């Protein structure tokens, strides 16, 4: 007598996990670190100002004053940019029973919201893009972050120079000299290993109470 096995059965239930694994990186560090502000025009503007360079300043007692030269503020601008993702789900697709999600619409909405965040991060720092005014047939575009850094961008000898600790320290000095006090250092994933290897330099110590901090004199590297 032949044994009846699962290969003979009809109507077997599927065994599908109820978990859907997203294999795409969804971190948007630049977008997360900056503030957002509501605007009411296609072009938004803000003003910047700077102090005169520090100089030797001394006057004779009782001397008459003369007016110095004053400088106006600098008006900066950028465009708003429209980002969109469109999806359609039929009523039947939403009604049938599926694995891993209760409703297809909710699942697809969750995906496109993450995709828009990734697209926004790309618009900020994934490209060197100059703003485009746009018109009825051309999409309006905003400046990428690199376009808002004036002319003080330091790419070394060329844009493909490898990151080194010396360059990082020089960058910190340049930032300070130009009135900046950066608290976040962003690098691409390929450079994370280079920064991690800073700990291998001689004379370094790690505080066990702060295992993610590397102390170099009074500088703090956070990996």
N, C-alpha and C. Protein backbone atom coordinates (compact mmCIF):
# COMPACT_ATOMS: atom_id res chain seq x y z
N UNK A 1 0.86 -1.19 0.00
CA UNK A 1 0.00 0.00 0.00
C UNK A 1 0.89 1.24 0.00
N UNK A 2 0.63 2.17 -0.90
CA UNK A 2 1.41 3.40 -0.98
C UNK A 2 1.06 4.34 0.17
N UNK A 3 2.08 4.97 0.72
CA UNK A 3 1.88 5.94 1.81
C UNK A 3 1.44 7.27 1.23
N UNK A 4 0.39 7.82 1.78
CA UNK A 4 -0.12 9.13 1.35
C UNK A 4 0.74 10.21 2.01
N UNK A 5 1.42 11.02 1.23
CA UNK A 5 2.34 12.03 1.76
C UNK A 5 1.85 13.43 1.42
N UNK A 6 2.62 14.38 1.90
CA UNK A 6 2.26 15.78 1.63
C UNK A 6 2.31 16.11 0.15
N UNK A 7 3.08 15.32 -0.60
CA UNK A 7 3.14 15.56 -2.04
C UNK A 7 1.84 15.18 -2.73
N UNK A 8 1.04 14.40 -2.03
CA UNK A 8 -0.25 13.98 -2.58
C UNK A 8 -1.40 14.88 -2.12
N UNK A 9 -1.15 15.64 -1.07
CA UNK A 9 -2.22 16.45 -0.48
C UNK A 9 -2.63 17.61 -1.37
N UNK A 10 -3.87 17.99 -1.26
CA UNK A 10 -4.41 19.15 -1.96
C UNK A 10 -4.94 20.12 -0.91
N UNK A 11 -4.73 21.41 -1.13
CA UNK A 11 -5.28 22.41 -0.21
C UNK A 11 -4.40 22.69 0.99
N UNK A 12 -3.10 22.43 0.85
CA UNK A 12 -2.19 22.69 1.98
C UNK A 12 -2.12 24.20 2.25
N UNK A 13 -2.08 24.54 3.53
CA UNK A 13 -1.95 25.95 3.93
C UNK A 13 -0.51 26.41 3.75
N UNK A 14 -0.34 27.63 3.29
CA UNK A 14 1.00 28.19 3.15
C UNK A 14 1.53 28.60 4.52
N UNK A 15 2.83 28.58 4.66
CA UNK A 15 3.48 29.06 5.88
C UNK A 15 4.36 30.25 5.50
N UNK A 16 3.80 31.44 5.61
CA UNK A 16 4.49 32.67 5.23
C UNK A 16 4.66 33.54 6.47
N UNK A 17 5.85 34.05 6.68
CA UNK A 17 6.11 34.89 7.85
C UNK A 17 5.23 36.13 7.82
N UNK A 18 4.82 36.59 8.98
CA UNK A 18 4.01 37.80 9.08
C UNK A 18 4.88 39.05 9.18
N UNK A 19 6.19 38.88 9.05
CA UNK A 19 7.12 40.00 9.12
C UNK A 19 7.67 40.31 7.74
N UNK A 20 7.61 41.57 7.34
CA UNK A 20 8.21 42.02 6.08
C UNK A 20 9.51 42.75 6.43
N UNK A 21 10.62 42.26 5.94
CA UNK A 21 11.92 42.84 6.26
C UNK A 21 12.29 43.89 5.23
N UNK A 22 12.55 45.10 5.69
CA UNK A 22 12.99 46.19 4.81
C UNK A 22 14.51 46.16 4.75
N UNK A 23 15.08 45.90 3.58
CA UNK A 23 16.53 45.75 3.44
C UNK A 23 17.20 47.04 2.98
N UNK A 24 16.46 48.12 2.90
CA UNK A 24 17.00 49.39 2.42
C UNK A 24 17.34 50.31 3.60
N UNK A 25 18.54 50.92 3.61
CA UNK A 25 18.86 51.88 4.67
C UNK A 25 17.88 53.06 4.65
N UNK A 26 17.40 53.43 5.81
CA UNK A 26 16.42 54.52 5.88
C UNK A 26 16.90 55.70 6.72
N UNK A 27 18.15 55.68 7.16
CA UNK A 27 18.67 56.79 7.95
C UNK A 27 18.79 58.04 7.07
N UNK A 28 18.38 59.18 7.62
CA UNK A 28 18.53 60.47 6.93
C UNK A 28 19.16 61.44 7.92
N UNK A 29 20.45 61.29 8.20
CA UNK A 29 21.10 62.05 9.27
C UNK A 29 21.09 63.56 9.08
N UNK A 30 21.28 64.03 7.84
CA UNK A 30 21.29 65.47 7.61
C UNK A 30 19.90 66.05 7.84
N UNK A 31 18.90 65.43 7.26
CA UNK A 31 17.52 65.90 7.42
C UNK A 31 17.11 65.90 8.88
N UNK A 32 17.53 64.87 9.61
CA UNK A 32 17.16 64.75 11.02
C UNK A 32 17.84 65.82 11.86
N UNK A 33 19.05 66.22 11.48
CA UNK A 33 19.84 67.12 12.33
C UNK A 33 19.48 68.59 12.16
N UNK A 34 18.82 68.95 11.06
CA UNK A 34 18.50 70.36 10.84
C UNK A 34 17.06 70.64 11.25
N UNK A 35 16.77 71.92 11.44
CA UNK A 35 15.43 72.32 11.83
C UNK A 35 14.58 72.59 10.58
N UNK A 36 13.30 72.44 10.73
CA UNK A 36 12.38 72.77 9.64
C UNK A 36 11.60 74.03 10.01
N UNK A 37 11.19 74.74 9.01
CA UNK A 37 10.44 75.98 9.22
C UNK A 37 9.41 76.13 8.11
N UNK A 38 8.21 76.54 8.47
CA UNK A 38 7.15 76.72 7.48
C UNK A 38 7.37 78.04 6.74
N UNK A 39 7.25 78.01 5.42
CA UNK A 39 7.41 79.22 4.62
C UNK A 39 6.12 79.46 3.84
N UNK A 40 5.99 80.67 3.31
CA UNK A 40 4.74 81.04 2.64
C UNK A 40 4.98 81.60 1.24
N UNK A 41 6.12 81.25 0.64
CA UNK A 41 6.42 81.70 -0.72
C UNK A 41 7.29 80.65 -1.40
N UNK A 42 7.35 80.72 -2.73
CA UNK A 42 8.19 79.77 -3.46
C UNK A 42 9.66 79.97 -3.13
N UNK A 43 10.05 81.24 -2.93
CA UNK A 43 11.43 81.57 -2.58
C UNK A 43 11.44 82.07 -1.14
N UNK A 44 12.30 81.51 -0.31
CA UNK A 44 12.42 82.01 1.06
C UNK A 44 13.80 82.62 1.24
N UNK A 45 13.87 83.64 2.09
CA UNK A 45 15.09 84.43 2.24
C UNK A 45 15.45 84.58 3.72
N UNK A 46 16.71 84.82 3.97
CA UNK A 46 17.17 85.11 5.32
C UNK A 46 18.42 85.98 5.21
N UNK A 47 18.77 86.61 6.31
CA UNK A 47 19.90 87.53 6.32
C UNK A 47 21.06 86.98 7.15
N UNK A 48 22.26 87.28 6.69
CA UNK A 48 23.46 86.93 7.43
C UNK A 48 24.28 88.19 7.66
N UNK A 49 25.01 88.20 8.73
CA UNK A 49 25.86 89.35 9.05
C UNK A 49 27.18 88.85 9.60
N UNK A 50 28.17 89.69 9.60
CA UNK A 50 29.49 89.32 10.11
C UNK A 50 30.12 90.52 10.80
N UNK A 51 30.95 90.24 11.78
CA UNK A 51 31.67 91.29 12.48
C UNK A 51 32.97 91.62 11.74
N UNK A 52 33.46 92.82 11.97
CA UNK A 52 34.76 93.19 11.40
C UNK A 52 35.85 92.34 12.04
N UNK A 53 36.93 92.15 11.32
CA UNK A 53 38.05 91.38 11.85
C UNK A 53 38.61 92.06 13.10
N UNK A 54 39.04 91.25 14.05
CA UNK A 54 39.64 91.79 15.26
C UNK A 54 40.90 92.58 14.90
N UNK A 55 41.07 93.74 15.54
CA UNK A 55 42.20 94.61 15.19
C UNK A 55 42.72 95.31 16.44
N UNK A 56 43.89 95.89 16.32
CA UNK A 56 44.48 96.68 17.41
C UNK A 56 43.61 97.91 17.62
N UNK A 57 43.05 98.08 18.81
CA UNK A 57 42.08 99.14 19.06
C UNK A 57 42.49 99.94 20.29
N UNK A 58 42.97 101.13 20.06
CA UNK A 58 43.36 102.02 21.16
C UNK A 58 43.14 103.47 20.73
N UNK A 59 42.74 104.30 21.68
CA UNK A 59 42.45 105.69 21.38
C UNK A 59 43.11 106.60 22.42
N UNK A 60 43.47 107.77 21.97
CA UNK A 60 44.02 108.78 22.88
C UNK A 60 42.89 109.34 23.73
N UNK A 61 43.14 109.51 24.99
CA UNK A 61 42.14 110.08 25.89
C UNK A 61 41.72 111.46 25.40
N UNK A 62 40.41 111.67 25.29
CA UNK A 62 39.88 112.96 24.87
C UNK A 62 39.84 113.15 23.37
N UNK A 63 40.23 112.14 22.61
CA UNK A 63 40.26 112.28 21.15
C UNK A 63 38.84 112.38 20.60
N UNK A 64 38.68 113.09 19.50
CA UNK A 64 37.38 113.19 18.83
C UNK A 64 37.12 111.91 18.05
N UNK A 65 35.87 111.46 18.07
CA UNK A 65 35.51 110.23 17.36
C UNK A 65 35.14 110.54 15.92
N UNK A 66 35.44 109.61 15.05
CA UNK A 66 34.98 109.69 13.65
C UNK A 66 34.26 108.39 13.32
N UNK A 67 33.20 108.52 12.56
CA UNK A 67 32.37 107.35 12.26
C UNK A 67 33.13 106.34 11.40
N UNK A 68 33.00 105.09 11.74
CA UNK A 68 33.63 104.04 10.95
C UNK A 68 32.74 103.62 9.79
N UNK A 69 33.21 102.67 9.01
CA UNK A 69 32.46 102.16 7.87
C UNK A 69 31.60 100.98 8.31
N UNK A 70 30.31 101.07 8.04
CA UNK A 70 29.39 100.01 8.41
C UNK A 70 29.03 99.17 7.18
N UNK A 71 28.79 97.92 7.39
CA UNK A 71 28.43 97.03 6.28
C UNK A 71 27.00 96.55 6.43
N UNK A 72 26.35 96.36 5.31
CA UNK A 72 24.96 95.88 5.32
C UNK A 72 24.94 94.36 5.49
N UNK A 73 23.80 93.86 5.89
CA UNK A 73 23.62 92.41 5.98
C UNK A 73 23.61 91.80 4.57
N UNK A 74 23.84 90.51 4.51
CA UNK A 74 23.80 89.78 3.23
C UNK A 74 22.50 89.00 3.15
N UNK A 75 21.77 89.19 2.06
CA UNK A 75 20.50 88.49 1.89
C UNK A 75 20.75 87.17 1.17
N UNK A 76 20.36 86.06 1.79
CA UNK A 76 20.51 84.73 1.21
C UNK A 76 19.14 84.20 0.80
N UNK A 77 19.11 83.39 -0.22
CA UNK A 77 17.84 82.85 -0.72
C UNK A 77 17.97 81.37 -1.07
N UNK A 78 16.84 80.72 -1.12
CA UNK A 78 16.76 79.37 -1.66
C UNK A 78 15.32 79.13 -2.12
N UNK A 79 15.15 78.15 -2.95
CA UNK A 79 13.82 77.82 -3.45
C UNK A 79 13.18 76.70 -2.63
N UNK A 80 11.88 76.69 -2.62
CA UNK A 80 11.18 75.50 -2.14
C UNK A 80 11.17 74.48 -3.28
N UNK A 81 11.07 73.22 -2.92
CA UNK A 81 11.06 72.16 -3.92
C UNK A 81 9.94 71.18 -3.59
N UNK A 82 9.19 70.79 -4.59
CA UNK A 82 8.08 69.86 -4.39
C UNK A 82 8.58 68.43 -4.60
N UNK A 83 8.38 67.59 -3.60
CA UNK A 83 8.70 66.17 -3.71
C UNK A 83 7.40 65.39 -3.62
N UNK A 84 7.27 64.37 -4.44
CA UNK A 84 6.02 63.60 -4.41
C UNK A 84 6.28 62.14 -4.74
N UNK A 85 5.40 61.30 -4.27
CA UNK A 85 5.36 59.88 -4.62
C UNK A 85 3.89 59.51 -4.79
N UNK A 86 3.58 58.83 -5.85
CA UNK A 86 2.19 58.47 -6.13
C UNK A 86 2.04 56.95 -6.16
N UNK A 87 1.00 56.46 -5.51
CA UNK A 87 0.70 55.03 -5.59
C UNK A 87 -0.81 54.84 -5.61
N UNK A 88 -1.25 53.75 -6.18
CA UNK A 88 -2.67 53.42 -6.24
C UNK A 88 -2.87 51.97 -5.80
N UNK A 89 -3.86 51.74 -4.98
CA UNK A 89 -4.20 50.40 -4.52
C UNK A 89 -5.70 50.20 -4.75
N UNK A 90 -6.06 49.12 -5.38
CA UNK A 90 -7.48 48.87 -5.63
C UNK A 90 -8.19 48.49 -4.33
N UNK A 91 -9.49 48.68 -4.30
CA UNK A 91 -10.28 48.32 -3.12
C UNK A 91 -10.20 46.82 -2.85
N UNK A 92 -10.12 46.03 -3.91
CA UNK A 92 -10.02 44.58 -3.73
C UNK A 92 -8.68 44.21 -3.09
N UNK A 93 -7.60 44.87 -3.54
CA UNK A 93 -6.28 44.59 -2.96
C UNK A 93 -6.24 44.95 -1.49
N UNK A 94 -7.01 45.95 -1.09
CA UNK A 94 -7.08 46.33 0.32
C UNK A 94 -7.95 45.37 1.13
N UNK A 95 -8.86 44.70 0.46
CA UNK A 95 -9.83 43.86 1.17
C UNK A 95 -9.36 42.43 1.39
N UNK A 96 -8.54 41.90 0.47
CA UNK A 96 -8.15 40.50 0.60
C UNK A 96 -7.14 40.31 1.72
N UNK A 97 -7.07 39.09 2.23
CA UNK A 97 -6.16 38.76 3.31
C UNK A 97 -4.76 38.52 2.75
N UNK A 98 -3.78 39.19 3.35
CA UNK A 98 -2.39 39.06 2.90
C UNK A 98 -1.48 38.87 4.12
N UNK A 99 -0.28 38.42 3.87
CA UNK A 99 0.69 38.23 4.94
C UNK A 99 1.48 39.52 5.17
N UNK A 100 1.83 39.78 6.41
CA UNK A 100 2.77 40.85 6.72
C UNK A 100 2.19 42.24 6.86
N UNK A 101 0.96 42.45 6.51
CA UNK A 101 0.33 43.76 6.68
C UNK A 101 -1.17 43.59 6.70
N UNK A 102 -1.82 44.49 7.41
CA UNK A 102 -3.27 44.41 7.52
C UNK A 102 -3.95 44.96 6.27
N UNK A 103 -3.42 46.08 5.77
CA UNK A 103 -3.99 46.70 4.58
C UNK A 103 -2.86 47.10 3.64
N UNK A 104 -3.04 46.87 2.36
CA UNK A 104 -2.01 47.20 1.38
C UNK A 104 -1.78 48.70 1.30
N UNK A 105 -2.85 49.49 1.43
CA UNK A 105 -2.71 50.94 1.36
C UNK A 105 -1.78 51.46 2.45
N UNK A 106 -1.96 50.99 3.67
CA UNK A 106 -1.11 51.44 4.77
C UNK A 106 0.34 51.04 4.54
N UNK A 107 0.55 49.85 4.02
CA UNK A 107 1.91 49.38 3.75
C UNK A 107 2.59 50.23 2.68
N UNK A 108 1.89 50.50 1.60
CA UNK A 108 2.46 51.30 0.52
C UNK A 108 2.68 52.75 0.96
N UNK A 109 1.78 53.28 1.78
CA UNK A 109 1.95 54.64 2.29
C UNK A 109 3.19 54.74 3.16
N UNK A 110 3.40 53.76 4.00
CA UNK A 110 4.59 53.73 4.85
C UNK A 110 5.86 53.72 4.00
N UNK A 111 5.85 52.97 2.92
CA UNK A 111 7.01 52.89 2.04
C UNK A 111 7.31 54.22 1.36
N UNK A 112 6.28 54.86 0.79
CA UNK A 112 6.54 56.09 0.04
C UNK A 112 6.96 57.23 0.96
N UNK A 113 6.48 57.25 2.19
CA UNK A 113 6.91 58.28 3.14
C UNK A 113 8.40 58.14 3.43
N UNK A 114 8.86 56.92 3.59
CA UNK A 114 10.30 56.68 3.79
C UNK A 114 11.09 57.05 2.54
N UNK A 115 10.52 56.74 1.38
CA UNK A 115 11.20 57.06 0.12
C UNK A 115 11.32 58.56 -0.08
N UNK A 116 10.30 59.32 0.29
CA UNK A 116 10.37 60.78 0.17
C UNK A 116 11.44 61.34 1.09
N UNK A 117 11.56 60.79 2.29
CA UNK A 117 12.61 61.24 3.21
C UNK A 117 13.99 60.98 2.60
N UNK A 118 14.15 59.83 1.98
CA UNK A 118 15.43 59.51 1.33
C UNK A 118 15.69 60.44 0.15
N UNK A 119 14.64 60.76 -0.60
CA UNK A 119 14.79 61.69 -1.73
C UNK A 119 15.17 63.09 -1.23
N UNK A 120 14.58 63.50 -0.11
CA UNK A 120 14.90 64.81 0.45
C UNK A 120 16.35 64.85 0.93
N UNK A 121 16.80 63.79 1.57
CA UNK A 121 18.20 63.71 1.99
C UNK A 121 19.13 63.78 0.78
N UNK A 122 18.75 63.11 -0.29
CA UNK A 122 19.55 63.14 -1.52
C UNK A 122 19.60 64.56 -2.09
N UNK A 123 18.48 65.27 -2.04
CA UNK A 123 18.44 66.65 -2.54
C UNK A 123 19.35 67.55 -1.72
N UNK A 124 19.44 67.28 -0.42
CA UNK A 124 20.29 68.09 0.46
C UNK A 124 21.77 67.80 0.25
N UNK A 125 22.16 66.54 0.37
CA UNK A 125 23.58 66.20 0.42
C UNK A 125 24.01 65.10 -0.54
N UNK A 126 23.10 64.55 -1.31
CA UNK A 126 23.46 63.47 -2.23
C UNK A 126 23.94 63.96 -3.57
N UNK A 127 23.88 65.26 -3.80
CA UNK A 127 24.29 65.83 -5.07
C UNK A 127 24.71 67.28 -4.87
N UNK A 128 25.48 67.79 -5.81
CA UNK A 128 25.85 69.20 -5.82
C UNK A 128 24.97 69.87 -6.86
N UNK A 129 23.86 70.43 -6.39
CA UNK A 129 22.83 70.90 -7.30
C UNK A 129 22.51 72.37 -7.06
N UNK A 130 22.62 73.18 -8.10
CA UNK A 130 22.28 74.60 -7.99
C UNK A 130 20.78 74.78 -8.17
N UNK A 131 20.23 75.76 -7.48
CA UNK A 131 18.78 75.97 -7.51
C UNK A 131 18.31 76.36 -8.91
N UNK A 132 17.08 75.96 -9.21
CA UNK A 132 16.44 76.26 -10.49
C UNK A 132 15.11 76.94 -10.19
N UNK A 133 14.90 78.11 -10.79
CA UNK A 133 13.67 78.87 -10.53
C UNK A 133 12.43 78.11 -10.95
N UNK A 134 12.50 77.46 -12.10
CA UNK A 134 11.37 76.68 -12.58
C UNK A 134 10.31 77.55 -13.25
N UNK A 135 9.41 76.89 -13.93
CA UNK A 135 8.29 77.57 -14.57
C UNK A 135 7.16 76.57 -14.76
N UNK A 136 6.26 76.87 -15.65
CA UNK A 136 5.09 76.00 -15.83
C UNK A 136 5.45 74.62 -16.36
N UNK A 137 6.63 74.49 -16.97
CA UNK A 137 7.03 73.20 -17.54
C UNK A 137 8.30 72.63 -16.92
N UNK A 138 9.00 73.41 -16.10
CA UNK A 138 10.25 72.97 -15.48
C UNK A 138 10.10 72.94 -13.96
N UNK A 139 10.44 71.83 -13.36
CA UNK A 139 10.29 71.70 -11.91
C UNK A 139 11.25 72.63 -11.17
N UNK A 140 10.74 73.25 -10.13
CA UNK A 140 11.55 74.12 -9.29
C UNK A 140 12.50 73.27 -8.43
N UNK A 141 13.75 73.71 -8.27
CA UNK A 141 14.73 72.97 -7.47
C UNK A 141 15.40 73.89 -6.47
N UNK A 142 15.79 73.33 -5.33
CA UNK A 142 16.49 74.11 -4.31
C UNK A 142 18.00 73.85 -4.41
N UNK A 143 18.76 74.78 -3.85
CA UNK A 143 20.20 74.56 -3.70
C UNK A 143 20.45 73.36 -2.81
N UNK A 144 21.40 72.54 -3.16
CA UNK A 144 21.86 71.52 -2.22
C UNK A 144 22.71 72.21 -1.16
N UNK A 145 23.01 71.50 -0.09
CA UNK A 145 23.74 72.10 1.03
C UNK A 145 25.08 72.67 0.60
N UNK A 146 25.77 71.98 -0.30
CA UNK A 146 27.10 72.42 -0.72
C UNK A 146 27.04 73.77 -1.42
N UNK A 147 25.90 74.08 -2.07
CA UNK A 147 25.74 75.35 -2.76
C UNK A 147 25.56 76.51 -1.79
N UNK A 148 25.20 76.21 -0.55
CA UNK A 148 24.97 77.26 0.44
C UNK A 148 26.21 77.54 1.28
N UNK A 149 27.34 76.90 0.95
CA UNK A 149 28.55 77.08 1.75
C UNK A 149 29.49 78.08 1.09
N UNK A 150 28.94 78.99 0.31
CA UNK A 150 29.72 80.06 -0.30
C UNK A 150 30.88 79.47 -1.08
N UNK A 151 32.08 80.05 -0.93
CA UNK A 151 33.25 79.59 -1.68
C UNK A 151 34.27 78.92 -0.78
N UNK A 152 33.90 78.63 0.46
CA UNK A 152 34.86 78.09 1.42
C UNK A 152 34.88 76.57 1.46
N UNK A 153 34.47 75.92 0.39
CA UNK A 153 34.47 74.46 0.35
C UNK A 153 35.89 73.98 0.12
N UNK A 154 36.36 73.09 0.98
CA UNK A 154 37.72 72.57 0.87
C UNK A 154 37.65 71.10 0.48
N UNK A 155 38.01 70.82 -0.75
CA UNK A 155 38.02 69.44 -1.23
C UNK A 155 39.44 68.90 -1.32
N UNK A 156 40.41 69.60 -0.69
CA UNK A 156 41.78 69.16 -0.79
C UNK A 156 42.31 69.44 -2.19
N UNK A 157 43.28 68.64 -2.61
CA UNK A 157 43.82 68.82 -3.95
C UNK A 157 42.76 68.55 -5.01
N UNK A 158 41.89 67.60 -4.71
CA UNK A 158 40.76 67.32 -5.59
C UNK A 158 39.67 66.64 -4.77
N UNK A 159 38.52 66.50 -5.37
CA UNK A 159 37.35 66.00 -4.64
C UNK A 159 37.47 64.54 -4.24
N UNK A 160 38.49 63.84 -4.76
CA UNK A 160 38.63 62.42 -4.44
C UNK A 160 39.70 62.17 -3.39
N UNK A 161 40.27 63.22 -2.81
CA UNK A 161 41.28 63.04 -1.76
C UNK A 161 40.71 62.22 -0.61
N UNK A 162 41.54 61.35 -0.06
CA UNK A 162 41.11 60.53 1.08
C UNK A 162 41.02 61.38 2.34
N UNK A 163 40.08 61.04 3.22
CA UNK A 163 39.94 61.73 4.49
C UNK A 163 41.08 61.34 5.42
N UNK A 164 41.68 62.31 6.08
CA UNK A 164 42.72 62.05 7.07
C UNK A 164 42.40 62.85 8.33
N UNK A 165 43.03 62.44 9.44
CA UNK A 165 42.81 63.17 10.69
C UNK A 165 43.34 64.59 10.59
N UNK A 166 44.47 64.76 9.91
CA UNK A 166 45.04 66.10 9.75
C UNK A 166 44.07 67.03 9.04
N UNK A 167 43.38 66.50 8.02
CA UNK A 167 42.41 67.32 7.30
C UNK A 167 41.22 67.67 8.18
N UNK A 168 40.83 66.72 9.03
CA UNK A 168 39.72 66.97 9.93
C UNK A 168 40.07 68.07 10.93
N UNK A 169 41.28 68.01 11.48
CA UNK A 169 41.71 69.03 12.43
C UNK A 169 41.84 70.40 11.75
N UNK A 170 42.33 70.40 10.51
CA UNK A 170 42.43 71.65 9.76
C UNK A 170 41.05 72.23 9.49
N UNK A 171 40.10 71.35 9.19
CA UNK A 171 38.73 71.79 8.97
C UNK A 171 38.14 72.42 10.22
N UNK A 172 38.40 71.80 11.38
CA UNK A 172 37.92 72.37 12.63
C UNK A 172 38.47 73.76 12.87
N UNK A 173 39.74 73.95 12.55
CA UNK A 173 40.36 75.27 12.70
C UNK A 173 39.73 76.29 11.76
N UNK A 174 39.51 75.88 10.51
CA UNK A 174 38.89 76.79 9.54
C UNK A 174 37.48 77.18 9.98
N UNK A 175 36.73 76.21 10.50
CA UNK A 175 35.38 76.50 10.96
C UNK A 175 35.40 77.53 12.09
N UNK A 176 36.32 77.33 13.03
CA UNK A 176 36.42 78.25 14.17
C UNK A 176 36.80 79.65 13.68
N UNK A 177 37.78 79.73 12.78
CA UNK A 177 38.23 81.03 12.29
C UNK A 177 37.13 81.77 11.54
N UNK A 178 36.15 81.02 11.01
CA UNK A 178 35.06 81.65 10.26
C UNK A 178 33.78 81.76 11.08
N UNK A 179 33.92 81.65 12.41
CA UNK A 179 32.78 81.91 13.28
C UNK A 179 31.83 80.76 13.48
N UNK A 180 32.25 79.55 13.14
CA UNK A 180 31.37 78.40 13.27
C UNK A 180 31.79 77.54 14.46
N UNK A 181 30.82 76.86 15.02
CA UNK A 181 31.07 75.94 16.14
C UNK A 181 30.33 74.64 15.86
N UNK A 182 30.81 73.85 14.89
CA UNK A 182 30.08 72.64 14.50
C UNK A 182 30.05 71.59 15.60
N UNK A 183 28.93 70.94 15.74
CA UNK A 183 28.78 69.88 16.74
C UNK A 183 28.55 68.52 16.10
N UNK A 184 28.38 68.49 14.78
CA UNK A 184 28.13 67.24 14.06
C UNK A 184 29.11 67.14 12.89
N UNK A 185 29.72 65.99 12.74
CA UNK A 185 30.64 65.72 11.65
C UNK A 185 30.06 64.57 10.83
N UNK A 186 29.64 64.85 9.61
CA UNK A 186 28.99 63.83 8.78
C UNK A 186 29.96 63.32 7.72
N UNK A 187 29.99 62.00 7.58
CA UNK A 187 30.85 61.38 6.59
C UNK A 187 30.06 60.29 5.88
N UNK A 188 30.55 59.92 4.71
CA UNK A 188 29.92 58.81 4.00
C UNK A 188 30.34 57.49 4.66
N UNK A 189 29.56 56.44 4.49
CA UNK A 189 29.86 55.17 5.16
C UNK A 189 31.28 54.67 4.92
N UNK A 190 31.82 54.91 3.71
CA UNK A 190 33.16 54.41 3.40
C UNK A 190 34.23 55.07 4.25
N UNK A 191 33.97 56.28 4.77
CA UNK A 191 34.95 56.98 5.60
C UNK A 191 34.81 56.66 7.08
N UNK A 192 33.75 55.94 7.46
CA UNK A 192 33.55 55.62 8.87
C UNK A 192 34.70 54.79 9.42
N UNK A 193 35.24 53.89 8.61
CA UNK A 193 36.37 53.06 9.05
C UNK A 193 37.61 53.92 9.27
N UNK A 194 37.81 54.93 8.44
CA UNK A 194 38.96 55.82 8.60
C UNK A 194 38.88 56.54 9.93
N UNK A 195 37.70 57.07 10.26
CA UNK A 195 37.53 57.78 11.53
C UNK A 195 37.71 56.82 12.70
N UNK A 196 37.19 55.61 12.56
CA UNK A 196 37.34 54.62 13.63
C UNK A 196 38.81 54.31 13.89
N UNK A 197 39.64 54.37 12.85
CA UNK A 197 41.06 54.06 13.00
C UNK A 197 41.84 55.19 13.66
N UNK A 198 41.20 56.35 13.88
CA UNK A 198 41.88 57.42 14.62
C UNK A 198 42.31 56.92 15.99
N UNK A 199 41.55 55.97 16.53
CA UNK A 199 41.84 55.46 17.87
C UNK A 199 43.16 54.71 17.92
N UNK A 200 43.68 54.29 16.76
CA UNK A 200 44.92 53.52 16.74
C UNK A 200 46.15 54.39 16.88
N UNK A 201 45.99 55.72 16.79
CA UNK A 201 47.13 56.61 16.92
C UNK A 201 47.70 56.54 18.33
N UNK A 202 49.01 56.75 18.45
CA UNK A 202 49.65 56.69 19.76
C UNK A 202 49.21 57.85 20.63
N UNK A 203 49.25 57.64 21.95
CA UNK A 203 48.90 58.70 22.89
C UNK A 203 47.43 58.90 23.07
N UNK A 204 46.60 57.95 22.57
CA UNK A 204 45.17 58.07 22.70
C UNK A 204 44.69 57.26 23.90
N UNK A 205 43.57 57.68 24.45
CA UNK A 205 42.96 56.91 25.53
C UNK A 205 41.46 56.94 25.36
N UNK A 206 40.82 55.92 25.86
CA UNK A 206 39.36 55.83 25.78
C UNK A 206 38.79 55.81 27.18
N UNK A 207 37.79 56.64 27.43
CA UNK A 207 37.12 56.65 28.72
C UNK A 207 36.06 55.57 28.73
N UNK A 208 36.18 54.64 29.68
CA UNK A 208 35.26 53.51 29.69
C UNK A 208 33.84 53.93 30.04
N UNK A 209 33.68 55.06 30.71
CA UNK A 209 32.33 55.54 31.01
C UNK A 209 31.65 56.06 29.75
N UNK A 210 32.46 56.40 28.73
CA UNK A 210 31.92 56.88 27.46
C UNK A 210 32.63 56.11 26.34
N UNK A 211 32.23 54.90 26.14
CA UNK A 211 32.95 54.01 25.24
C UNK A 211 32.89 54.43 23.78
N UNK A 212 32.03 55.38 23.44
CA UNK A 212 31.93 55.84 22.05
C UNK A 212 32.72 57.12 21.83
N UNK A 213 33.48 57.54 22.83
CA UNK A 213 34.23 58.79 22.72
C UNK A 213 35.73 58.51 22.69
N UNK A 214 36.45 59.25 21.84
CA UNK A 214 37.90 59.15 21.75
C UNK A 214 38.48 60.50 22.09
N UNK A 215 39.34 60.56 23.10
CA UNK A 215 39.87 61.82 23.58
C UNK A 215 41.23 62.11 22.95
N UNK A 216 41.35 63.24 22.28
CA UNK A 216 42.61 63.69 21.70
C UNK A 216 42.86 65.09 22.23
N UNK A 217 43.63 65.21 23.29
CA UNK A 217 43.84 66.47 23.98
C UNK A 217 42.47 67.00 24.41
N UNK A 218 41.96 68.06 23.76
CA UNK A 218 40.64 68.56 24.14
C UNK A 218 39.64 68.38 23.01
N UNK A 219 40.00 67.57 22.00
CA UNK A 219 39.10 67.32 20.89
C UNK A 219 38.33 66.03 21.14
N UNK A 220 37.10 65.98 20.71
CA UNK A 220 36.24 64.82 20.93
C UNK A 220 35.78 64.27 19.59
N UNK A 221 36.15 63.02 19.34
CA UNK A 221 35.66 62.34 18.15
C UNK A 221 34.56 61.39 18.58
N UNK A 222 33.40 61.47 17.96
CA UNK A 222 32.31 60.55 18.27
C UNK A 222 32.06 59.70 17.04
N UNK A 223 32.27 58.41 17.19
CA UNK A 223 32.10 57.50 16.06
C UNK A 223 30.68 56.95 16.08
